[in-house]
Amino acid sequence: LSIQLGIYEPPREWDAACRQRLAGLAAFGKARFAINRTRD
């Protein structure tokens, strides 16, 4: 499996810009799964 470490900084709020950026990152990185160790 290929895996990347993502360093996460929680946004102040989940607005349209945050969602768009996350969608772009997921598409660019071809992310199929995420191991969420952020507690968020």
PDB file of all heavy atoms in Angstrom:
ATOM      1  N   LEU A   1       0.839  -1.193   0.000  1.00  0.00           N
ATOM      2  CA  LEU A   1       0.000   0.000   0.000  1.00  0.00           C
ATOM      3  C   LEU A   1       0.878   1.249   0.000  1.00  0.00           C
ATOM      4  O   LEU A   1       1.879   1.308   0.709  1.00  0.00           O
ATOM      5  CB  LEU A   1      -0.905   0.034   1.234  1.00  0.00           C
ATOM      6  CG  LEU A   1      -1.799  -1.170   1.486  1.00  0.00           C
ATOM      7  CD1 LEU A   1      -2.648  -0.941   2.730  1.00  0.00           C
ATOM      8  CD2 LEU A   1      -2.683  -1.458   0.298  1.00  0.00           C
ATOM      9  N   SER A   2       0.515   2.230  -0.784  1.00  0.00           N
ATOM     10  CA  SER A   2       1.203   3.522  -0.708  1.00  0.00           C
ATOM     11  C   SER A   2       0.509   4.378   0.342  1.00  0.00           C
ATOM     12  O   SER A   2      -0.714   4.332   0.479  1.00  0.00           O
ATOM     13  CB  SER A   2       1.187   4.230  -2.061  1.00  0.00           C
ATOM     14  OG  SER A   2      -0.135   4.582  -2.429  1.00  0.00           O
ATOM     15  N   ILE A   3       1.274   5.127   1.109  1.00  0.00           N
ATOM     16  CA  ILE A   3       0.682   5.939   2.168  1.00  0.00           C
ATOM     17  C   ILE A   3       1.490   7.214   2.344  1.00  0.00           C
ATOM     18  O   ILE A   3       2.718   7.213   2.179  1.00  0.00           O
ATOM     19  CB  ILE A   3       0.608   5.142   3.497  1.00  0.00           C
ATOM     20  CG1 ILE A   3      -0.262   5.873   4.525  1.00  0.00           C
ATOM     21  CG2 ILE A   3       1.988   4.856   4.049  1.00  0.00           C
ATOM     22  CD1 ILE A   3      -0.595   5.023   5.740  1.00  0.00           C
ATOM     23  N   GLN A   4       0.807   8.293   2.642  1.00  0.00           N
ATOM     24  CA  GLN A   4       1.437   9.569   2.933  1.00  0.00           C
ATOM     25  C   GLN A   4       1.016  10.039   4.313  1.00  0.00           C
ATOM     26  O   GLN A   4      -0.131   9.830   4.723  1.00  0.00           O
ATOM     27  CB  GLN A   4       1.027  10.626   1.904  1.00  0.00           C
ATOM     28  CG  GLN A   4       1.596  10.429   0.511  1.00  0.00           C
ATOM     29  CD  GLN A   4       1.147  11.539  -0.414  1.00  0.00           C
ATOM     30  OE1 GLN A   4      -0.039  11.677  -0.706  1.00  0.00           O
ATOM     31  NE2 GLN A   4       2.083  12.350  -0.864  1.00  0.00           N
ATOM     32  N   LEU A   5       1.961  10.669   5.005  1.00  0.00           N
ATOM     33  CA  LEU A   5       1.668  11.286   6.299  1.00  0.00           C
ATOM     34  C   LEU A   5       1.121  12.683   6.051  1.00  0.00           C
ATOM     35  O   LEU A   5       1.769  13.519   5.422  1.00  0.00           O
ATOM     36  CB  LEU A   5       2.939  11.365   7.144  1.00  0.00           C
ATOM     37  CG  LEU A   5       2.850  12.200   8.435  1.00  0.00           C
ATOM     38  CD1 LEU A   5       1.816  11.623   9.391  1.00  0.00           C
ATOM     39  CD2 LEU A   5       4.220  12.297   9.099  1.00  0.00           C
ATOM     40  N   GLY A   6      -0.087  12.934   6.534  1.00  0.00           N
ATOM     41  CA  GLY A   6      -0.702  14.243   6.427  1.00  0.00           C
ATOM     42  C   GLY A   6      -0.682  14.955   7.760  1.00  0.00           C
ATOM     43  O   GLY A   6      -1.132  14.401   8.775  1.00  0.00           O
ATOM     44  N   ILE A   7      -0.137  16.157   7.806  1.00  0.00           N
ATOM     45  CA  ILE A   7      -0.125  16.976   9.016  1.00  0.00           C
ATOM     46  C   ILE A   7      -1.331  17.908   8.943  1.00  0.00           C
ATOM     47  O   ILE A   7      -1.468  18.700   8.014  1.00  0.00           O
ATOM     48  CB  ILE A   7       1.181  17.785   9.133  1.00  0.00           C
ATOM     49  CG1 ILE A   7       2.402  16.847   9.054  1.00  0.00           C
ATOM     50  CG2 ILE A   7       1.184  18.582  10.428  1.00  0.00           C
ATOM     51  CD1 ILE A   7       2.426  15.770  10.132  1.00  0.00           C
ATOM     52  N   TYR A   8      -2.166  17.812   9.959  1.00  0.00           N
ATOM     53  CA  TYR A   8      -3.484  18.456   9.924  1.00  0.00           C
ATOM     54  C   TYR A   8      -3.566  19.582  10.949  1.00  0.00           C
ATOM     55  O   TYR A   8      -3.217  19.399  12.117  1.00  0.00           O
ATOM     56  CB  TYR A   8      -4.555  17.406  10.225  1.00  0.00           C
ATOM     57  CG  TYR A   8      -5.959  17.930  10.390  1.00  0.00           C
ATOM     58  CD1 TYR A   8      -6.648  18.502   9.328  1.00  0.00           C
ATOM     59  CD2 TYR A   8      -6.606  17.837  11.628  1.00  0.00           C
ATOM     60  CE1 TYR A   8      -7.948  18.965   9.480  1.00  0.00           C
ATOM     61  CE2 TYR A   8      -7.903  18.291  11.785  1.00  0.00           C
ATOM     62  CZ  TYR A   8      -8.567  18.857  10.712  1.00  0.00           C
ATOM     63  OH  TYR A   8      -9.859  19.312  10.878  1.00  0.00           O
ATOM     64  N   GLU A   9      -4.027  20.709  10.489  1.00  0.00           N
ATOM     65  CA  GLU A   9      -4.332  21.830  11.372  1.00  0.00           C
ATOM     66  C   GLU A   9      -5.823  22.125  11.251  1.00  0.00           C
ATOM     67  O   GLU A   9      -6.288  22.526  10.172  1.00  0.00           O
ATOM     68  CB  GLU A   9      -3.531  23.070  10.995  1.00  0.00           C
ATOM     69  CG  GLU A   9      -3.779  24.251  11.917  1.00  0.00           C
ATOM     70  CD  GLU A   9      -2.938  25.469  11.564  1.00  0.00           C
ATOM     71  OE1 GLU A   9      -1.971  25.320  10.793  1.00  0.00           O
ATOM     72  OE2 GLU A   9      -3.263  26.562  12.060  1.00  0.00           O
ATOM     73  N   PRO A  10      -6.597  21.921  12.298  1.00  0.00           N
ATOM     74  CA  PRO A  10      -8.056  22.113  12.199  1.00  0.00           C
ATOM     75  C   PRO A  10      -8.406  23.532  11.776  1.00  0.00           C
ATOM     76  O   PRO A  10      -7.852  24.500  12.306  1.00  0.00           O
ATOM     77  CB  PRO A  10      -8.556  21.816  13.619  1.00  0.00           C
ATOM     78  CG  PRO A  10      -7.476  21.011  14.242  1.00  0.00           C
ATOM     79  CD  PRO A  10      -6.185  21.475  13.633  1.00  0.00           C
ATOM     80  N   PRO A  11      -9.312  23.687  10.807  1.00  0.00           N
ATOM     81  CA  PRO A  11      -9.740  25.028  10.414  1.00  0.00           C
ATOM     82  C   PRO A  11     -10.647  25.633  11.471  1.00  0.00           C
ATOM     83  O   PRO A  11     -11.231  24.916  12.292  1.00  0.00           O
ATOM     84  CB  PRO A  11     -10.508  24.774   9.106  1.00  0.00           C
ATOM     85  CG  PRO A  11     -11.027  23.387   9.258  1.00  0.00           C
ATOM     86  CD  PRO A  11      -9.990  22.633  10.033  1.00  0.00           C
ATOM     87  N   ARG A  12     -10.779  26.932  11.444  1.00  0.00           N
ATOM     88  CA  ARG A  12     -11.694  27.586  12.382  1.00  0.00           C
ATOM     89  C   ARG A  12     -13.127  27.142  12.135  1.00  0.00           C
ATOM     90  O   ARG A  12     -13.918  27.008  13.071  1.00  0.00           O
ATOM     91  CB  ARG A  12     -11.577  29.102  12.256  1.00  0.00           C
ATOM     92  CG  ARG A  12     -10.236  29.658  12.748  1.00  0.00           C
ATOM     93  CD  ARG A  12     -10.203  31.175  12.648  1.00  0.00           C
ATOM     94  NE  ARG A  12      -8.931  31.700  13.120  1.00  0.00           N
ATOM     95  CZ  ARG A  12      -8.625  32.992  13.120  1.00  0.00           C
ATOM     96  NH1 ARG A  12      -9.497  33.899  12.676  1.00  0.00           N
ATOM     97  NH2 ARG A  12      -7.445  33.392  13.558  1.00  0.00           N
ATOM     98  N   GLU A  13     -13.468  26.939  10.869  1.00  0.00           N
ATOM     99  CA  GLU A  13     -14.776  26.408  10.514  1.00  0.00           C
ATOM    100  C   GLU A  13     -14.666  25.702   9.171  1.00  0.00           C
ATOM    101  O   GLU A  13     -13.804  26.021   8.347  1.00  0.00           O
ATOM    102  CB  GLU A  13     -15.826  27.523  10.438  1.00  0.00           C
ATOM    103  CG  GLU A  13     -15.550  28.572   9.374  1.00  0.00           C
ATOM    104  CD  GLU A  13     -16.674  29.576   9.240  1.00  0.00           C
ATOM    105  OE1 GLU A  13     -17.830  29.162   9.426  1.00  0.00           O
ATOM    106  OE2 GLU A  13     -16.387  30.757   8.964  1.00  0.00           O
ATOM    107  N   TRP A  14     -15.557  24.732   8.976  1.00  0.00           N
ATOM    108  CA  TRP A  14     -15.565  23.997   7.724  1.00  0.00           C
ATOM    109  C   TRP A  14     -16.446  24.752   6.728  1.00  0.00           C
ATOM    110  O   TRP A  14     -17.629  24.494   6.593  1.00  0.00           O
ATOM    111  CB  TRP A  14     -16.064  22.572   7.943  1.00  0.00           C
ATOM    112  CG  TRP A  14     -14.989  21.676   8.462  1.00  0.00           C
ATOM    113  CD1 TRP A  14     -14.747  21.342   9.748  1.00  0.00           C
ATOM    114  CD2 TRP A  14     -13.987  21.031   7.670  1.00  0.00           C
ATOM    115  NE1 TRP A  14     -13.652  20.522   9.842  1.00  0.00           N
ATOM    116  CE2 TRP A  14     -13.166  20.311   8.575  1.00  0.00           C
ATOM    117  CE3 TRP A  14     -13.701  20.991   6.312  1.00  0.00           C
ATOM    118  CZ2 TRP A  14     -12.077  19.555   8.153  1.00  0.00           C
ATOM    119  CZ3 TRP A  14     -12.620  20.230   5.887  1.00  0.00           C
ATOM    120  CH2 TRP A  14     -11.817  19.519   6.793  1.00  0.00           C
ATOM    121  N   ASP A  15     -15.831  25.697   6.025  1.00  0.00           N
ATOM    122  CA  ASP A  15     -16.570  26.475   5.038  1.00  0.00           C
ATOM    123  C   ASP A  15     -16.325  25.891   3.644  1.00  0.00           C
ATOM    124  O   ASP A  15     -15.616  24.886   3.466  1.00  0.00           O
ATOM    125  CB  ASP A  15     -16.187  27.944   5.098  1.00  0.00           C
ATOM    126  CG  ASP A  15     -14.687  28.178   4.926  1.00  0.00           C
ATOM    127  OD1 ASP A  15     -13.974  27.264   4.449  1.00  0.00           O
ATOM    128  OD2 ASP A  15     -14.217  29.273   5.267  1.00  0.00           O
ATOM    129  N   ALA A  16     -16.889  26.523   2.637  1.00  0.00           N
ATOM    130  CA  ALA A  16     -16.789  26.015   1.270  1.00  0.00           C
ATOM    131  C   ALA A  16     -15.340  25.954   0.798  1.00  0.00           C
ATOM    132  O   ALA A  16     -14.941  25.011   0.096  1.00  0.00           O
ATOM    133  CB  ALA A  16     -17.623  26.888   0.333  1.00  0.00           C
ATOM    134  N   ALA A  17     -14.530  26.943   1.187  1.00  0.00           N
ATOM    135  CA  ALA A  17     -13.132  26.960   0.761  1.00  0.00           C
ATOM    136  C   ALA A  17     -12.358  25.773   1.337  1.00  0.00           C
ATOM    137  O   ALA A  17     -11.549  25.140   0.639  1.00  0.00           O
ATOM    138  CB  ALA A  17     -12.482  28.275   1.181  1.00  0.00           C
ATOM    139  N   CYS A  18     -12.600  25.458   2.609  1.00  0.00           N
ATOM    140  CA  CYS A  18     -11.930  24.307   3.239  1.00  0.00           C
ATOM    141  C   CYS A  18     -12.332  23.007   2.561  1.00  0.00           C
ATOM    142  O   CYS A  18     -11.485  22.149   2.279  1.00  0.00           O
ATOM    143  CB  CYS A  18     -12.282  24.248   4.721  1.00  0.00           C
ATOM    144  SG  CYS A  18     -11.454  25.486   5.734  1.00  0.00           S
ATOM    145  N   ARG A  19     -13.606  22.868   2.291  1.00  0.00           N
ATOM    146  CA  ARG A  19     -14.095  21.646   1.659  1.00  0.00           C
ATOM    147  C   ARG A  19     -13.527  21.495   0.247  1.00  0.00           C
ATOM    148  O   ARG A  19     -13.163  20.396  -0.169  1.00  0.00           O
ATOM    149  CB  ARG A  19     -15.624  21.643   1.637  1.00  0.00           C
ATOM    150  CG  ARG A  19     -16.253  21.540   3.023  1.00  0.00           C
ATOM    151  CD  ARG A  19     -17.761  21.395   2.955  1.00  0.00           C
ATOM    152  NE  ARG A  19     -18.305  21.136   4.284  1.00  0.00           N
ATOM    153  CZ  ARG A  19     -18.777  22.088   5.082  1.00  0.00           C
ATOM    154  NH1 ARG A  19     -18.763  23.355   4.687  1.00  0.00           N
ATOM    155  NH2 ARG A  19     -19.247  21.782   6.276  1.00  0.00           N
ATOM    156  N   GLN A  20     -13.440  22.607  -0.467  1.00  0.00           N
ATOM    157  CA  GLN A  20     -12.907  22.570  -1.833  1.00  0.00           C
ATOM    158  C   GLN A  20     -11.430  22.179  -1.814  1.00  0.00           C
ATOM    159  O   GLN A  20     -10.966  21.386  -2.646  1.00  0.00           O
ATOM    160  CB  GLN A  20     -13.096  23.920  -2.512  1.00  0.00           C
ATOM    161  CG  GLN A  20     -12.683  23.935  -3.975  1.00  0.00           C
ATOM    162  CD  GLN A  20     -12.985  25.261  -4.643  1.00  0.00           C
ATOM    163  OE1 GLN A  20     -13.332  26.241  -3.991  1.00  0.00           O
ATOM    164  NE2 GLN A  20     -12.870  25.306  -5.957  1.00  0.00           N
ATOM    165  N   ARG A  21     -10.690  22.739  -0.861  1.00  0.00           N
ATOM    166  CA  ARG A  21      -9.266  22.404  -0.771  1.00  0.00           C
ATOM    167  C   ARG A  21      -9.073  20.936  -0.429  1.00  0.00           C
ATOM    168  O   ARG A  21      -8.210  20.264  -1.009  1.00  0.00           O
ATOM    169  CB  ARG A  21      -8.584  23.287   0.267  1.00  0.00           C
ATOM    170  CG  ARG A  21      -7.081  23.039   0.340  1.00  0.00           C
ATOM    171  CD  ARG A  21      -6.406  23.892   1.380  1.00  0.00           C
ATOM    172  NE  ARG A  21      -4.982  23.584   1.431  1.00  0.00           N
ATOM    173  CZ  ARG A  21      -4.177  23.934   2.411  1.00  0.00           C
ATOM    174  NH1 ARG A  21      -4.649  24.634   3.424  1.00  0.00           N
ATOM    175  NH2 ARG A  21      -2.907  23.612   2.393  1.00  0.00           N
ATOM    176  N   LEU A  22      -9.859  20.423   0.519  1.00  0.00           N
ATOM    177  CA  LEU A  22      -9.742  19.017   0.894  1.00  0.00           C
ATOM    178  C   LEU A  22     -10.076  18.117  -0.289  1.00  0.00           C
ATOM    179  O   LEU A  22      -9.395  17.113  -0.539  1.00  0.00           O
ATOM    180  CB  LEU A  22     -10.671  18.709   2.074  1.00  0.00           C
ATOM    181  CG  LEU A  22     -10.579  17.296   2.644  1.00  0.00           C
ATOM    182  CD1 LEU A  22      -9.194  17.041   3.237  1.00  0.00           C
ATOM    183  CD2 LEU A  22     -11.646  17.068   3.714  1.00  0.00           C
ATOM    184  N   ALA A  23     -11.121  18.472  -1.034  1.00  0.00           N
ATOM    185  CA  ALA A  23     -11.500  17.687  -2.211  1.00  0.00           C
ATOM    186  C   ALA A  23     -10.380  17.684  -3.245  1.00  0.00           C
ATOM    187  O   ALA A  23     -10.084  16.650  -3.862  1.00  0.00           O
ATOM    188  CB  ALA A  23     -12.794  18.236  -2.817  1.00  0.00           C
ATOM    189  N   GLY A  24      -9.730  18.839  -3.429  1.00  0.00           N
ATOM    190  CA  GLY A  24      -8.630  18.914  -4.375  1.00  0.00           C
ATOM    191  C   GLY A  24      -7.450  18.061  -3.954  1.00  0.00           C
ATOM    192  O   GLY A  24      -6.834  17.366  -4.781  1.00  0.00           O
ATOM    193  N   LEU A  25      -7.138  18.071  -2.662  1.00  0.00           N
ATOM    194  CA  LEU A  25      -6.040  17.248  -2.159  1.00  0.00           C
ATOM    195  C   LEU A  25      -6.335  15.760  -2.328  1.00  0.00           C
ATOM    196  O   LEU A  25      -5.452  14.978  -2.708  1.00  0.00           O
ATOM    197  CB  LEU A  25      -5.792  17.565  -0.681  1.00  0.00           C
ATOM    198  CG  LEU A  25      -5.143  18.909  -0.356  1.00  0.00           C
ATOM    199  CD1 LEU A  25      -5.220  19.188   1.142  1.00  0.00           C
ATOM    200  CD2 LEU A  25      -3.695  18.934  -0.829  1.00  0.00           C
ATOM    201  N   ALA A  26      -7.572  15.368  -2.034  1.00  0.00           N
ATOM    202  CA  ALA A  26      -7.947  13.962  -2.157  1.00  0.00           C
ATOM    203  C   ALA A  26      -7.878  13.507  -3.608  1.00  0.00           C
ATOM    204  O   ALA A  26      -7.422  12.392  -3.901  1.00  0.00           O
ATOM    205  CB  ALA A  26      -9.346  13.748  -1.586  1.00  0.00           C
ATOM    206  N   ALA A  27      -8.329  14.365  -4.513  1.00  0.00           N
ATOM    207  CA  ALA A  27      -8.302  14.005  -5.930  1.00  0.00           C
ATOM    208  C   ALA A  27      -6.873  13.947  -6.460  1.00  0.00           C
ATOM    209  O   ALA A  27      -6.490  13.012  -7.173  1.00  0.00           O
ATOM    210  CB  ALA A  27      -9.130  15.007  -6.735  1.00  0.00           C
ATOM    211  N   PHE A  28      -6.058  14.941  -6.092  1.00  0.00           N
ATOM    212  CA  PHE A  28      -4.676  14.994  -6.568  1.00  0.00           C
ATOM    213  C   PHE A  28      -3.874  13.807  -6.045  1.00  0.00           C
ATOM    214  O   PHE A  28      -3.071  13.213  -6.762  1.00  0.00           O
ATOM    215  CB  PHE A  28      -4.022  16.309  -6.137  1.00  0.00           C
ATOM    216  CG  PHE A  28      -2.597  16.437  -6.563  1.00  0.00           C
ATOM    217  CD1 PHE A  28      -2.275  16.763  -7.874  1.00  0.00           C
ATOM    218  CD2 PHE A  28      -1.557  16.235  -5.654  1.00  0.00           C
ATOM    219  CE1 PHE A  28      -0.948  16.877  -8.274  1.00  0.00           C
ATOM    220  CE2 PHE A  28      -0.230  16.345  -6.051  1.00  0.00           C
ATOM    221  CZ  PHE A  28       0.070  16.670  -7.366  1.00  0.00           C
ATOM    222  N   GLY A  29      -4.089  13.476  -4.770  1.00  0.00           N
ATOM    223  CA  GLY A  29      -3.349  12.371  -4.161  1.00  0.00           C
ATOM    224  C   GLY A  29      -3.961  11.018  -4.403  1.00  0.00           C
ATOM    225  O   GLY A  29      -3.428  10.002  -3.962  1.00  0.00           O
ATOM    226  N   LYS A  30      -5.104  10.988  -5.105  1.00  0.00           N
ATOM    227  CA  LYS A  30      -5.821   9.731  -5.382  1.00  0.00           C
ATOM    228  C   LYS A  30      -6.054   8.949  -4.090  1.00  0.00           C
ATOM    229  O   LYS A  30      -5.858   7.728  -4.033  1.00  0.00           O
ATOM    230  CB  LYS A  30      -5.053   8.884  -6.401  1.00  0.00           C
ATOM    231  CG  LYS A  30      -4.867   9.567  -7.753  1.00  0.00           C
ATOM    232  CD  LYS A  30      -4.078   8.700  -8.724  1.00  0.00           C
ATOM    233  CE  LYS A  30      -3.879   9.417 -10.053  1.00  0.00           C
ATOM    234  NZ  LYS A  30      -3.083   8.615 -11.010  1.00  0.00           N
ATOM    235  N   ALA A  31      -6.470   9.684  -3.064  1.00  0.00           N
ATOM    236  CA  ALA A  31      -6.662   9.059  -1.751  1.00  0.00           C
ATOM    237  C   ALA A  31      -7.889   8.153  -1.767  1.00  0.00           C
ATOM    238  O   ALA A  31      -9.000   8.613  -2.006  1.00  0.00           O
ATOM    239  CB  ALA A  31      -6.813  10.124  -0.681  1.00  0.00           C
ATOM    240  N   ARG A  32      -7.680   6.883  -1.500  1.00  0.00           N
ATOM    241  CA  ARG A  32      -8.782   5.930  -1.403  1.00  0.00           C
ATOM    242  C   ARG A  32      -9.134   5.633   0.053  1.00  0.00           C
ATOM    243  O   ARG A  32     -10.255   5.260   0.359  1.00  0.00           O
ATOM    244  CB  ARG A  32      -8.435   4.641  -2.138  1.00  0.00           C
ATOM    245  CG  ARG A  32      -8.359   4.795  -3.654  1.00  0.00           C
ATOM    246  CD  ARG A  32      -8.123   3.460  -4.313  1.00  0.00           C
ATOM    247  NE  ARG A  32      -9.134   2.493  -3.927  1.00  0.00           N
ATOM    248  CZ  ARG A  32      -8.985   1.165  -4.051  1.00  0.00           C
ATOM    249  NH1 ARG A  32      -7.849   0.670  -4.524  1.00  0.00           N
ATOM    250  NH2 ARG A  32      -9.953   0.339  -3.687  1.00  0.00           N
ATOM    251  N   PHE A  33      -8.138   5.760   0.938  1.00  0.00           N
ATOM    252  CA  PHE A  33      -8.424   5.543   2.354  1.00  0.00           C
ATOM    253  C   PHE A  33      -7.624   6.526   3.186  1.00  0.00           C
ATOM    254  O   PHE A  33      -6.618   7.083   2.735  1.00  0.00           O
ATOM    255  CB  PHE A  33      -8.127   4.092   2.777  1.00  0.00           C
ATOM    256  CG  PHE A  33      -6.660   3.753   2.865  1.00  0.00           C
ATOM    257  CD1 PHE A  33      -5.958   3.874   4.062  1.00  0.00           C
ATOM    258  CD2 PHE A  33      -5.971   3.290   1.748  1.00  0.00           C
ATOM    259  CE1 PHE A  33      -4.614   3.545   4.152  1.00  0.00           C
ATOM    260  CE2 PHE A  33      -4.626   2.956   1.823  1.00  0.00           C
ATOM    261  CZ  PHE A  33      -3.942   3.085   3.025  1.00  0.00           C
ATOM    262  N   ALA A  34      -8.088   6.765   4.412  1.00  0.00           N
ATOM    263  CA  ALA A  34      -7.398   7.645   5.347  1.00  0.00           C
ATOM    264  C   ALA A  34      -7.458   7.039   6.733  1.00  0.00           C
ATOM    265  O   ALA A  34      -8.529   6.606   7.182  1.00  0.00           O
ATOM    266  CB  ALA A  34      -8.023   9.036   5.349  1.00  0.00           C
ATOM    267  N   ILE A  35      -6.315   6.974   7.393  1.00  0.00           N
ATOM    268  CA  ILE A  35      -6.242   6.545   8.791  1.00  0.00           C
ATOM    269  C   ILE A  35      -6.245   7.826   9.616  1.00  0.00           C
ATOM    270  O   ILE A  35      -5.247   8.558   9.644  1.00  0.00           O
ATOM    271  CB  ILE A  35      -4.984   5.704   9.056  1.00  0.00           C
ATOM    272  CG1 ILE A  35      -4.973   4.475   8.147  1.00  0.00           C
ATOM    273  CG2 ILE A  35      -4.921   5.287  10.526  1.00  0.00           C
ATOM    274  CD1 ILE A  35      -3.654   3.722   8.153  1.00  0.00           C
ATOM    275  N   ASN A  36      -7.352   8.103  10.249  1.00  0.00           N
ATOM    276  CA  ASN A  36      -7.534   9.377  10.945  1.00  0.00           C
ATOM    277  C   ASN A  36      -7.050   9.259  12.387  1.00  0.00           C
ATOM    278  O   ASN A  36      -7.715   8.671  13.230  1.00  0.00           O
ATOM    279  CB  ASN A  36      -9.013   9.784  10.909  1.00  0.00           C
ATOM    280  CG  ASN A  36      -9.266  11.117  11.588  1.00  0.00           C
ATOM    281  OD1 ASN A  36      -8.356  11.936  11.733  1.00  0.00           O
ATOM    282  ND2 ASN A  36     -10.494  11.354  12.017  1.00  0.00           N
ATOM    283  N   ARG A  37      -5.887   9.836  12.674  1.00  0.00           N
ATOM    284  CA  ARG A  37      -5.329   9.829  14.031  1.00  0.00           C
ATOM    285  C   ARG A  37      -5.338  11.244  14.610  1.00  0.00           C
ATOM    286  O   ARG A  37      -4.506  11.585  15.448  1.00  0.00           O
ATOM    287  CB  ARG A  37      -3.890   9.288  14.007  1.00  0.00           C
ATOM    288  CG  ARG A  37      -3.735   7.895  13.418  1.00  0.00           C
ATOM    289  CD  ARG A  37      -4.126   6.802  14.352  1.00  0.00           C
ATOM    290  NE  ARG A  37      -3.244   6.708  15.505  1.00  0.00           N
ATOM    291  CZ  ARG A  37      -3.438   5.854  16.518  1.00  0.00           C
ATOM    292  NH1 ARG A  37      -4.478   5.049  16.523  1.00  0.00           N
ATOM    293  NH2 ARG A  37      -2.591   5.825  17.537  1.00  0.00           N
ATOM    294  N   THR A  38      -6.306  12.051  14.183  1.00  0.00           N
ATOM    295  CA  THR A  38      -6.367  13.446  14.616  1.00  0.00           C
ATOM    296  C   THR A  38      -7.368  13.686  15.734  1.00  0.00           C
ATOM    297  O   THR A  38      -7.395  14.773  16.310  1.00  0.00           O
ATOM    298  CB  THR A  38      -6.774  14.353  13.449  1.00  0.00           C
ATOM    299  OG1 THR A  38      -8.152  14.118  13.109  1.00  0.00           O
ATOM    300  CG2 THR A  38      -5.891  14.124  12.228  1.00  0.00           C
ATOM    301  N   ARG A  39      -8.234  12.716  16.012  1.00  0.00           N
ATOM    302  CA  ARG A  39      -9.339  12.845  16.960  1.00  0.00           C
ATOM    303  C   ARG A  39     -10.430  13.801  16.472  1.00  0.00           C
ATOM    304  O   ARG A  39     -11.332  14.132  17.234  1.00  0.00           O
ATOM    305  CB  ARG A  39      -8.862  13.289  18.352  1.00  0.00           C
ATOM    306  CG  ARG A  39      -7.943  12.291  19.046  1.00  0.00           C
ATOM    307  CD  ARG A  39      -7.812  12.613  20.533  1.00  0.00           C
ATOM    308  NE  ARG A  39      -7.076  11.571  21.221  1.00  0.00           N
ATOM    309  CZ  ARG A  39      -5.819  11.690  21.637  1.00  0.00           C
ATOM    310  NH1 ARG A  39      -5.180  12.828  21.416  1.00  0.00           N
ATOM    311  NH2 ARG A  39      -5.207  10.706  22.247  1.00  0.00           N
ATOM    312  N   ASP A  40     -10.381  14.245  15.241  1.00  0.00           N
ATOM    313  CA  ASP A  40     -11.336  15.218  14.709  1.00  0.00           C
ATOM    314  C   ASP A  40     -12.379  14.483  13.860  1.00  0.00           C
ATOM    315  O   ASP A  40     -12.092  14.084  12.730  1.00  0.00           O
ATOM    316  CB  ASP A  40     -10.616  16.264  13.877  1.00  0.00           C
ATOM    317  CG  ASP A  40     -11.513  17.436  13.495  1.00  0.00           C
ATOM    318  OD1 ASP A  40     -12.746  17.262  13.459  1.00  0.00           O
ATOM    319  OD2 ASP A  40     -10.976  18.532  13.225  1.00  0.00           O
TER     320      ASP A  40
END
